[in-house]
Amino acid sequence: MQKSKIFILSGPSGAGEDSIIEGLRKFFTIERVITTTTREMRPGESQGRPYYFISRGEFINRRSNNGFVEWAEQYNGNLYGVTKEEIERVKNSGHIGTWKIEWKGVVTAKKIFPEIPSIFINAPLNILKNRIRRRDNVSEEYIKERTEYTKEWLKHKDIYDYEVINEEGKLDETVQRVKEIIEKNI
């Protein structure tokens, strides 16, 4: 089986995947797999940063024509998916690819691309809650909703090839562990 230079990084809200991916840039040239979404663009975002933004109708049309490798409807009602062209773009970049998806997407992706290593980024539940609270300035209802989704996520840890715990205040150590997993697999 051909080794992949694409790595799935996946974890619940507050796990720190984005911070880890940024930390990996110290060691590798990173090419992120960019997800396509129907969610509205927020201030400071642009096409391809951090998503490709399309209408719900266009998404459904592409999905009907098998245009997505994997897709899911998220808790917020928006559709998210990765196109076949996007995977090819990252594969052909010659760089280390990082693919950030949620657990349902990992199940699908591993069926299609079993050679892509998947890394579950996790943290204790109380730390996840505190990170969400600090980062997003959100309601307790939102935190409760995210916590329930995280509990569901934890039931599926066995689908991953690796698990890395991102403890509070230990981001550098977490990045180092993920770096070692990447080096072992390329």
Foldseek 3Di string as FASTA:
>chain_A
DDAALEAEEEEFAQLCPVVLQVVCVVPWPEDEQAKEKQDDDDPPADQVRRHHHDHPVVVVVCVVVVQFLDWDQDPVRMIITGGPVSVVVRRPPPTRYYYYDYPVRLVSCCVVCVNHAYEYRAEPLVSSLVSCCVPPVDDPVVSVVSSVVNVVSVVRPVSHPYYFYDYPPPSVVSSVVVVVVSVVRD
